[in-house]
Amino acid sequence: MQATCKFDQSLFDLIIRNLDRHDVAKLEPCERIRAAVAFTLVDCSEPANIASIPFPEETRQQAAYILTTRATRLSSHAGQRAYPGGRVDPGETVEQAALRELEEEVGLKLDSSRVLGRLDDYATRSGYVITPIVVWGGSHVELKPNPGEVDLIHRIPLNELMRDDAPILETIDESEHPVLKMPLGDEWFAAPSAAIAYQFREVALLGRSTRVAHYEQPHFAWK
């Protein structure tokens, strides 16, 4: 599957239009913790610095999304691939929480006008209901990792989402549902982050009503 994901007004309009048409599937937290993540779009002004993703000169005009490598010192999910995000504080909306976490983790301060929409809630095995908020980060933004939470910040070209080998579905003994992974250069990352990336591709870029809540996470992410 080929696509040109240039970071411009046409991409902005496409995402807004497709997210507006999407019937968001919401989940009640029940005994889980409500959390929000920011799926943030920026330009490819810097290399991804992960998984041998190439960085030719023409890539600088393309769109990217922010992915982080969580700090290895964290007590849970240390070193995993994730989006800026965390639990929703009392009195916050999911949009406010996502924007707050975006600023806290990668130093990008944005207001609510940059929120483009949301994707489906995803319940994790580790006890959270995650709401993905799609955010337009802008061009030439400076990103700085919070060392207490983030080891590395990656700008992943959107074209990585459009690869012919995406998604990867893997059967595991612990579940009746397959684990969803997305290719990342010469590596991969898994749900829940990969499920969010895959649904962004399907809904926001391709205009498809694709659900992902049933896809499994790898067993190492269950804790």
C-alpha atoms as a PDB file:
ATOM      1  CA  MET A   1       0.000   0.000   0.000  1.00  0.00           C
ATOM      2  CA  GLN A   2       1.515   3.300  -1.063  1.00  0.00           C
ATOM      3  CA  ALA A   3       0.647   6.746   0.264  1.00  0.00           C
ATOM      4  CA  THR A   4       2.168  10.184   0.327  1.00  0.00           C
ATOM      5  CA  CYS A   5       1.616  11.691   3.755  1.00  0.00           C
ATOM      6  CA  LYS A   6       2.876  15.220   3.294  1.00  0.00           C
ATOM      7  CA  PHE A   7       2.503  17.419   6.365  1.00  0.00           C
ATOM      8  CA  ASP A   8       0.178  20.056   4.954  1.00  0.00           C
ATOM      9  CA  GLN A   9      -3.360  21.427   4.977  1.00  0.00           C
ATOM     10  CA  SER A  10      -4.651  18.578   2.803  1.00  0.00           C
ATOM     11  CA  LEU A  11      -3.591  16.037   5.418  1.00  0.00           C
ATOM     12  CA  PHE A  12      -5.141  18.160   8.179  1.00  0.00           C
ATOM     13  CA  ASP A  13      -8.450  18.366   6.284  1.00  0.00           C
ATOM     14  CA  LEU A  14      -8.452  14.632   5.515  1.00  0.00           C
ATOM     15  CA  ILE A  15      -7.949  13.670   9.153  1.00  0.00           C
ATOM     16  CA  ILE A  16     -10.588  16.115  10.415  1.00  0.00           C
ATOM     17  CA  ARG A  17     -13.103  14.868   7.861  1.00  0.00           C
ATOM     18  CA  ASN A  18     -12.529  11.191   8.603  1.00  0.00           C
ATOM     19  CA  LEU A  19     -12.515  11.579  12.391  1.00  0.00           C
ATOM     20  CA  ASP A  20     -15.738  13.596  12.250  1.00  0.00           C
ATOM     21  CA  ARG A  21     -17.395  10.689  10.426  1.00  0.00           C
ATOM     22  CA  HIS A  22     -16.119   8.068  12.859  1.00  0.00           C
ATOM     23  CA  ASP A  23     -18.580   6.715  15.441  1.00  0.00           C
ATOM     24  CA  VAL A  24     -16.281   6.502  18.469  1.00  0.00           C
ATOM     25  CA  ALA A  25     -16.642   3.370  20.614  1.00  0.00           C
ATOM     26  CA  LYS A  26     -16.476   4.407  24.267  1.00  0.00           C
ATOM     27  CA  LEU A  27     -15.945   2.136  27.272  1.00  0.00           C
ATOM     28  CA  GLU A  28     -16.863   2.641  30.898  1.00  0.00           C
ATOM     29  CA  PRO A  29     -13.786   2.233  33.125  1.00  0.00           C
ATOM     30  CA  CYS A  30     -15.613   0.016  35.676  1.00  0.00           C
ATOM     31  CA  GLU A  31     -12.678  -1.149  37.842  1.00  0.00           C
ATOM     32  CA  ARG A  32     -10.070   0.091  35.371  1.00  0.00           C
ATOM     33  CA  ILE A  33      -8.302   3.466  35.482  1.00  0.00           C
ATOM     34  CA  ARG A  34      -9.285   6.085  32.908  1.00  0.00           C
ATOM     35  CA  ALA A  35      -6.270   7.225  30.869  1.00  0.00           C
ATOM     36  CA  ALA A  36      -5.635   9.299  27.747  1.00  0.00           C
ATOM     37  CA  VAL A  37      -2.825   9.387  25.216  1.00  0.00           C
ATOM     38  CA  ALA A  38      -1.909  11.986  22.611  1.00  0.00           C
ATOM     39  CA  PHE A  39      -1.425  10.614  19.091  1.00  0.00           C
ATOM     40  CA  THR A  40       0.408  13.722  17.911  1.00  0.00           C
ATOM     41  CA  LEU A  41       1.203  14.690  14.326  1.00  0.00           C
ATOM     42  CA  VAL A  42       4.329  16.690  13.540  1.00  0.00           C
ATOM     43  CA  ASP A  43       6.703  17.052  10.610  1.00  0.00           C
ATOM     44  CA  CYS A  44       9.686  14.803   9.937  1.00  0.00           C
ATOM     45  CA  SER A  45      12.260  17.484  10.708  1.00  0.00           C
ATOM     46  CA  GLU A  46      14.453  14.966  12.541  1.00  0.00           C
ATOM     47  CA  PRO A  47      15.326  11.279  12.046  1.00  0.00           C
ATOM     48  CA  ALA A  48      13.226   8.717  13.867  1.00  0.00           C
ATOM     49  CA  ASN A  49      16.325   7.283  15.568  1.00  0.00           C
ATOM     50  CA  ILE A  50      14.749   3.890  15.967  1.00  0.00           C
ATOM     51  CA  ALA A  51      14.655   0.558  14.142  1.00  0.00           C
ATOM     52  CA  SER A  52      16.876   1.709  11.242  1.00  0.00           C
ATOM     53  CA  ILE A  53      14.085   3.861   9.736  1.00  0.00           C
ATOM     54  CA  PRO A  54      15.742   5.735   6.835  1.00  0.00           C
ATOM     55  CA  PHE A  55      15.817   9.525   6.664  1.00  0.00           C
ATOM     56  CA  PRO A  56      16.307  10.704   3.063  1.00  0.00           C
ATOM     57  CA  GLU A  57      16.091  14.448   2.423  1.00  0.00           C
ATOM     58  CA  GLU A  58      12.556  14.259   0.977  1.00  0.00           C
ATOM     59  CA  THR A  59      11.312  12.792   4.258  1.00  0.00           C
ATOM     60  CA  ARG A  60      11.573  16.237   5.876  1.00  0.00           C
ATOM     61  CA  GLN A  61       8.384  17.304   4.059  1.00  0.00           C
ATOM     62  CA  GLN A  62       6.430  14.310   5.334  1.00  0.00           C
ATOM     63  CA  ALA A  63       4.172  13.904   8.350  1.00  0.00           C
ATOM     64  CA  ALA A  64       5.175  11.924  11.406  1.00  0.00           C
ATOM     65  CA  TYR A  65       3.644  10.886  14.706  1.00  0.00           C
ATOM     66  CA  ILE A  66       5.308  11.081  18.101  1.00  0.00           C
ATOM     67  CA  LEU A  67       6.262   7.792  19.706  1.00  0.00           C
ATOM     68  CA  THR A  68       8.383   7.507  22.833  1.00  0.00           C
ATOM     69  CA  THR A  69      10.543   4.910  24.489  1.00  0.00           C
ATOM     70  CA  ARG A  70       9.504   4.882  28.133  1.00  0.00           C
ATOM     71  CA  ALA A  71      12.208   5.391  30.731  1.00  0.00           C
ATOM     72  CA  THR A  72      13.887   2.173  31.812  1.00  0.00           C
ATOM     73  CA  ARG A  73      13.655   3.220  35.476  1.00  0.00           C
ATOM     74  CA  LEU A  74       9.847   3.213  35.521  1.00  0.00           C
ATOM     75  CA  SER A  75       8.086   0.685  37.722  1.00  0.00           C
ATOM     76  CA  SER A  76       5.683  -0.441  34.970  1.00  0.00           C
ATOM     77  CA  HIS A  77       6.072  -0.906  31.221  1.00  0.00           C
ATOM     78  CA  ALA A  78       9.660   0.318  31.382  1.00  0.00           C
ATOM     79  CA  GLY A  79      11.375   0.655  28.010  1.00  0.00           C
ATOM     80  CA  GLN A  80       8.200   0.032  26.020  1.00  0.00           C
ATOM     81  CA  ARG A  81       6.995   2.056  23.009  1.00  0.00           C
ATOM     82  CA  ALA A  82       4.226   4.442  23.976  1.00  0.00           C
ATOM     83  CA  TYR A  83       2.520   7.735  23.241  1.00  0.00           C
ATOM     84  CA  PRO A  84       2.622  10.635  25.675  1.00  0.00           C
ATOM     85  CA  GLY A  85      -0.177   9.959  28.109  1.00  0.00           C
ATOM     86  CA  GLY A  86      -1.335   8.865  31.520  1.00  0.00           C
ATOM     87  CA  ARG A  87      -4.260   8.737  33.887  1.00  0.00           C
ATOM     88  CA  VAL A  88      -7.014  11.327  33.749  1.00  0.00           C
ATOM     89  CA  ASP A  89      -7.015  13.486  36.884  1.00  0.00           C
ATOM     90  CA  PRO A  90     -10.261  14.344  38.714  1.00  0.00           C
ATOM     91  CA  GLY A  91     -12.093  17.151  36.930  1.00  0.00           C
ATOM     92  CA  GLU A  92     -10.185  16.679  33.651  1.00  0.00           C
ATOM     93  CA  THR A  93     -11.565  15.702  30.281  1.00  0.00           C
ATOM     94  CA  VAL A  94      -9.650  13.107  28.290  1.00  0.00           C
ATOM     95  CA  GLU A  95      -8.563  15.853  25.897  1.00  0.00           C
ATOM     96  CA  GLN A  96      -7.175  17.964  28.734  1.00  0.00           C
ATOM     97  CA  ALA A  97      -5.326  14.982  30.173  1.00  0.00           C
ATOM     98  CA  ALA A  98      -3.751  14.100  26.822  1.00  0.00           C
ATOM     99  CA  LEU A  99      -2.540  17.670  26.265  1.00  0.00           C
ATOM    100  CA  ARG A 100      -1.187  17.888  29.824  1.00  0.00           C
ATOM    101  CA  GLU A 101       0.731  14.646  29.449  1.00  0.00           C
ATOM    102  CA  LEU A 102       2.048  15.763  26.063  1.00  0.00           C
ATOM    103  CA  GLU A 103       3.578  18.828  27.689  1.00  0.00           C
ATOM    104  CA  GLU A 104       4.856  16.925  30.721  1.00  0.00           C
ATOM    105  CA  GLU A 105       6.503  14.104  28.772  1.00  0.00           C
ATOM    106  CA  VAL A 106       7.891  15.758  25.635  1.00  0.00           C
ATOM    107  CA  GLY A 107       7.674  19.487  26.366  1.00  0.00           C
ATOM    108  CA  LEU A 108       5.070  20.285  23.695  1.00  0.00           C
ATOM    109  CA  LYS A 109       2.491  22.770  25.032  1.00  0.00           C
ATOM    110  CA  LEU A 110      -0.666  23.037  22.927  1.00  0.00           C
ATOM    111  CA  ASP A 111      -4.191  24.273  23.514  1.00  0.00           C
ATOM    112  CA  SER A 112      -7.495  22.559  22.788  1.00  0.00           C
ATOM    113  CA  SER A 113      -7.691  24.037  19.271  1.00  0.00           C
ATOM    114  CA  ARG A 114      -5.052  21.488  18.224  1.00  0.00           C
ATOM    115  CA  VAL A 115      -7.267  18.510  19.072  1.00  0.00           C
ATOM    116  CA  LEU A 116      -8.534  16.909  15.845  1.00  0.00           C
ATOM    117  CA  GLY A 117     -10.685  14.192  17.365  1.00  0.00           C
ATOM    118  CA  ARG A 118     -10.471  10.845  19.094  1.00  0.00           C
ATOM    119  CA  LEU A 119     -10.267   7.151  18.366  1.00  0.00           C
ATOM    120  CA  ASP A 120     -11.939   4.213  20.106  1.00  0.00           C
ATOM    121  CA  ASP A 121     -11.293   3.464  23.764  1.00  0.00           C
ATOM    122  CA  TYR A 122      -9.006   0.496  24.376  1.00  0.00           C
ATOM    123  CA  ALA A 123      -9.064  -1.579  27.570  1.00  0.00           C
ATOM    124  CA  THR A 124      -5.642  -2.885  28.570  1.00  0.00           C
ATOM    125  CA  ARG A 125      -4.745  -6.032  30.445  1.00  0.00           C
ATOM    126  CA  SER A 126      -2.816  -3.880  32.938  1.00  0.00           C
ATOM    127  CA  GLY A 127      -5.975  -2.191  34.198  1.00  0.00           C
ATOM    128  CA  TYR A 128      -6.555   0.943  32.112  1.00  0.00           C
ATOM    129  CA  VAL A 129      -9.115   2.218  29.629  1.00  0.00           C
ATOM    130  CA  ILE A 130      -7.126   4.338  27.180  1.00  0.00           C
ATOM    131  CA  THR A 131      -8.712   7.098  25.104  1.00  0.00           C
ATOM    132  CA  PRO A 132      -6.503   8.099  22.143  1.00  0.00           C
ATOM    133  CA  ILE A 133      -6.715  11.818  21.331  1.00  0.00           C
ATOM    134  CA  VAL A 134      -5.480  12.877  17.881  1.00  0.00           C
ATOM    135  CA  VAL A 135      -3.511  16.131  18.072  1.00  0.00           C
ATOM    136  CA  TRP A 136      -2.019  18.399  15.388  1.00  0.00           C
ATOM    137  CA  GLY A 137       1.381  19.257  16.840  1.00  0.00           C
ATOM    138  CA  GLY A 138       2.608  21.552  14.079  1.00  0.00           C
ATOM    139  CA  SER A 139       5.814  22.126  12.130  1.00  0.00           C
ATOM    140  CA  HIS A 140       9.298  22.806  13.484  1.00  0.00           C
ATOM    141  CA  VAL A 141       8.310  22.020  17.051  1.00  0.00           C
ATOM    142  CA  GLU A 142      11.005  21.404  19.635  1.00  0.00           C
ATOM    143  CA  LEU A 143      10.580  18.231  21.660  1.00  0.00           C
ATOM    144  CA  LYS A 144      12.413  17.549  24.908  1.00  0.00           C
ATOM    145  CA  PRO A 145      12.055  14.292  26.859  1.00  0.00           C
ATOM    146  CA  ASN A 146      11.185  14.395  30.539  1.00  0.00           C
ATOM    147  CA  PRO A 147      13.984  12.178  31.927  1.00  0.00           C
ATOM    148  CA  GLY A 148      11.735  10.849  34.673  1.00  0.00           C
ATOM    149  CA  GLU A 149       9.318   9.348  32.153  1.00  0.00           C
ATOM    150  CA  VAL A 150      10.865   9.228  28.682  1.00  0.00           C
ATOM    151  CA  ASP A 151      14.248   7.997  27.465  1.00  0.00           C
ATOM    152  CA  LEU A 152      13.775   8.801  23.763  1.00  0.00           C
ATOM    153  CA  ILE A 153      11.358  10.671  21.502  1.00  0.00           C
ATOM    154  CA  HIS A 154      10.820   9.362  17.970  1.00  0.00           C
ATOM    155  CA  ARG A 155       9.200  11.044  14.965  1.00  0.00           C
ATOM    156  CA  ILE A 156       7.821   8.073  13.034  1.00  0.00           C
ATOM    157  CA  PRO A 157       6.931   8.837   9.385  1.00  0.00           C
ATOM    158  CA  LEU A 158       3.249   8.185   8.684  1.00  0.00           C
ATOM    159  CA  ASN A 159       4.297   6.166   5.663  1.00  0.00           C
ATOM    160  CA  GLU A 160       5.435   3.473   8.110  1.00  0.00           C
ATOM    161  CA  LEU A 161       1.750   2.907   8.899  1.00  0.00           C
ATOM    162  CA  MET A 162       0.955   2.309   5.238  1.00  0.00           C
ATOM    163  CA  ARG A 163       3.339  -0.598   4.714  1.00  0.00           C
ATOM    164  CA  ASP A 164       2.053  -3.703   2.946  1.00  0.00           C
ATOM    165  CA  ASP A 165       3.161  -5.883   5.883  1.00  0.00           C
ATOM    166  CA  ALA A 166       0.954  -4.015   8.379  1.00  0.00           C
ATOM    167  CA  PRO A 167      -0.646  -5.135  10.563  1.00  0.00           C
ATOM    168  CA  ILE A 168       1.039  -8.261  11.904  1.00  0.00           C
ATOM    169  CA  LEU A 169      -1.337 -10.657  13.696  1.00  0.00           C
ATOM    170  CA  GLU A 170       0.213 -13.246  16.000  1.00  0.00           C
ATOM    171  CA  THR A 171      -1.545 -16.112  17.768  1.00  0.00           C
ATOM    172  CA  ILE A 172      -0.646 -16.708  21.420  1.00  0.00           C
ATOM    173  CA  ASP A 173      -1.614 -19.544  23.765  1.00  0.00           C
ATOM    174  CA  GLU A 174      -2.901 -17.187  26.455  1.00  0.00           C
ATOM    175  CA  SER A 175      -5.754 -15.693  24.406  1.00  0.00           C
ATOM    176  CA  GLU A 176      -8.356 -16.533  21.778  1.00  0.00           C
ATOM    177  CA  HIS A 177      -7.624 -13.207  20.052  1.00  0.00           C
ATOM    178  CA  PRO A 178      -4.486 -12.450  18.046  1.00  0.00           C
ATOM    179  CA  VAL A 179      -1.865  -9.971  19.210  1.00  0.00           C
ATOM    180  CA  LEU A 180      -1.728  -6.960  16.896  1.00  0.00           C
ATOM    181  CA  LYS A 181       1.707  -5.626  15.995  1.00  0.00           C
ATOM    182  CA  MET A 182       2.770  -2.895  13.598  1.00  0.00           C
ATOM    183  CA  PRO A 183       6.075  -2.930  11.704  1.00  0.00           C
ATOM    184  CA  LEU A 184       8.521  -0.234  12.757  1.00  0.00           C
ATOM    185  CA  GLY A 185      11.553  -0.052  10.493  1.00  0.00           C
ATOM    186  CA  ASP A 186      13.219  -3.430  10.879  1.00  0.00           C
ATOM    187  CA  GLU A 187      11.446  -4.025  14.211  1.00  0.00           C
ATOM    188  CA  TRP A 188       7.837  -3.956  15.431  1.00  0.00           C
ATOM    189  CA  PHE A 189       5.755  -2.665  18.320  1.00  0.00           C
ATOM    190  CA  ALA A 190       2.621  -4.183  19.799  1.00  0.00           C
ATOM    191  CA  ALA A 191      -0.810  -3.302  21.137  1.00  0.00           C
ATOM    192  CA  PRO A 192      -2.028  -1.225  22.816  1.00  0.00           C
ATOM    193  CA  SER A 193       0.207   1.357  21.068  1.00  0.00           C
ATOM    194  CA  ALA A 194       0.162  -0.596  17.801  1.00  0.00           C
ATOM    195  CA  ALA A 195      -3.625  -0.991  17.912  1.00  0.00           C
ATOM    196  CA  ILE A 196      -3.991   2.793  18.210  1.00  0.00           C
ATOM    197  CA  ALA A 197      -1.583   3.353  15.307  1.00  0.00           C
ATOM    198  CA  TYR A 198      -3.427   0.827  13.166  1.00  0.00           C
ATOM    199  CA  GLN A 199      -6.828   2.369  13.872  1.00  0.00           C
ATOM    200  CA  PHE A 200      -5.450   5.833  13.108  1.00  0.00           C
ATOM    201  CA  ARG A 201      -4.336   4.512   9.727  1.00  0.00           C
ATOM    202  CA  GLU A 202      -7.650   2.848   9.006  1.00  0.00           C
ATOM    203  CA  VAL A 203      -9.979   5.591  10.270  1.00  0.00           C
ATOM    204  CA  ALA A 204      -8.113   8.895   9.949  1.00  0.00           C
ATOM    205  CA  LEU A 205      -6.098   8.230   6.796  1.00  0.00           C
ATOM    206  CA  LEU A 206      -8.178   5.672   4.873  1.00  0.00           C
ATOM    207  CA  GLY A 207     -11.694   6.495   6.069  1.00  0.00           C
ATOM    208  CA  ARG A 208     -12.518   2.947   7.139  1.00  0.00           C
ATOM    209  CA  SER A 209     -14.661   1.984  10.151  1.00  0.00           C
ATOM    210  CA  THR A 210     -12.124  -0.442  11.599  1.00  0.00           C
ATOM    211  CA  ARG A 211     -12.367  -1.551  15.235  1.00  0.00           C
ATOM    212  CA  VAL A 212      -9.344  -2.656  17.271  1.00  0.00           C
ATOM    213  CA  ALA A 213     -10.527  -3.170  20.857  1.00  0.00           C
ATOM    214  CA  HIS A 214     -10.650  -6.950  20.427  1.00  0.00           C
ATOM    215  CA  TYR A 215      -6.991  -7.278  19.484  1.00  0.00           C
ATOM    216  CA  GLU A 216      -4.759  -8.748  22.129  1.00  0.00           C
ATOM    217  CA  GLN A 217      -1.593  -7.417  23.738  1.00  0.00           C
ATOM    218  CA  PRO A 218       1.552  -9.518  24.122  1.00  0.00           C
ATOM    219  CA  HIS A 219       1.755 -11.399  27.373  1.00  0.00           C
ATOM    220  CA  PHE A 220       4.652  -9.261  28.678  1.00  0.00           C
ATOM    221  CA  ALA A 221       2.350  -6.200  28.633  1.00  0.00           C
ATOM    222  CA  TRP A 222      -0.352  -7.788  30.810  1.00  0.00           C
ATOM    223  CA  LYS A 223       1.203  -6.567  34.070  1.00  0.00           C
END
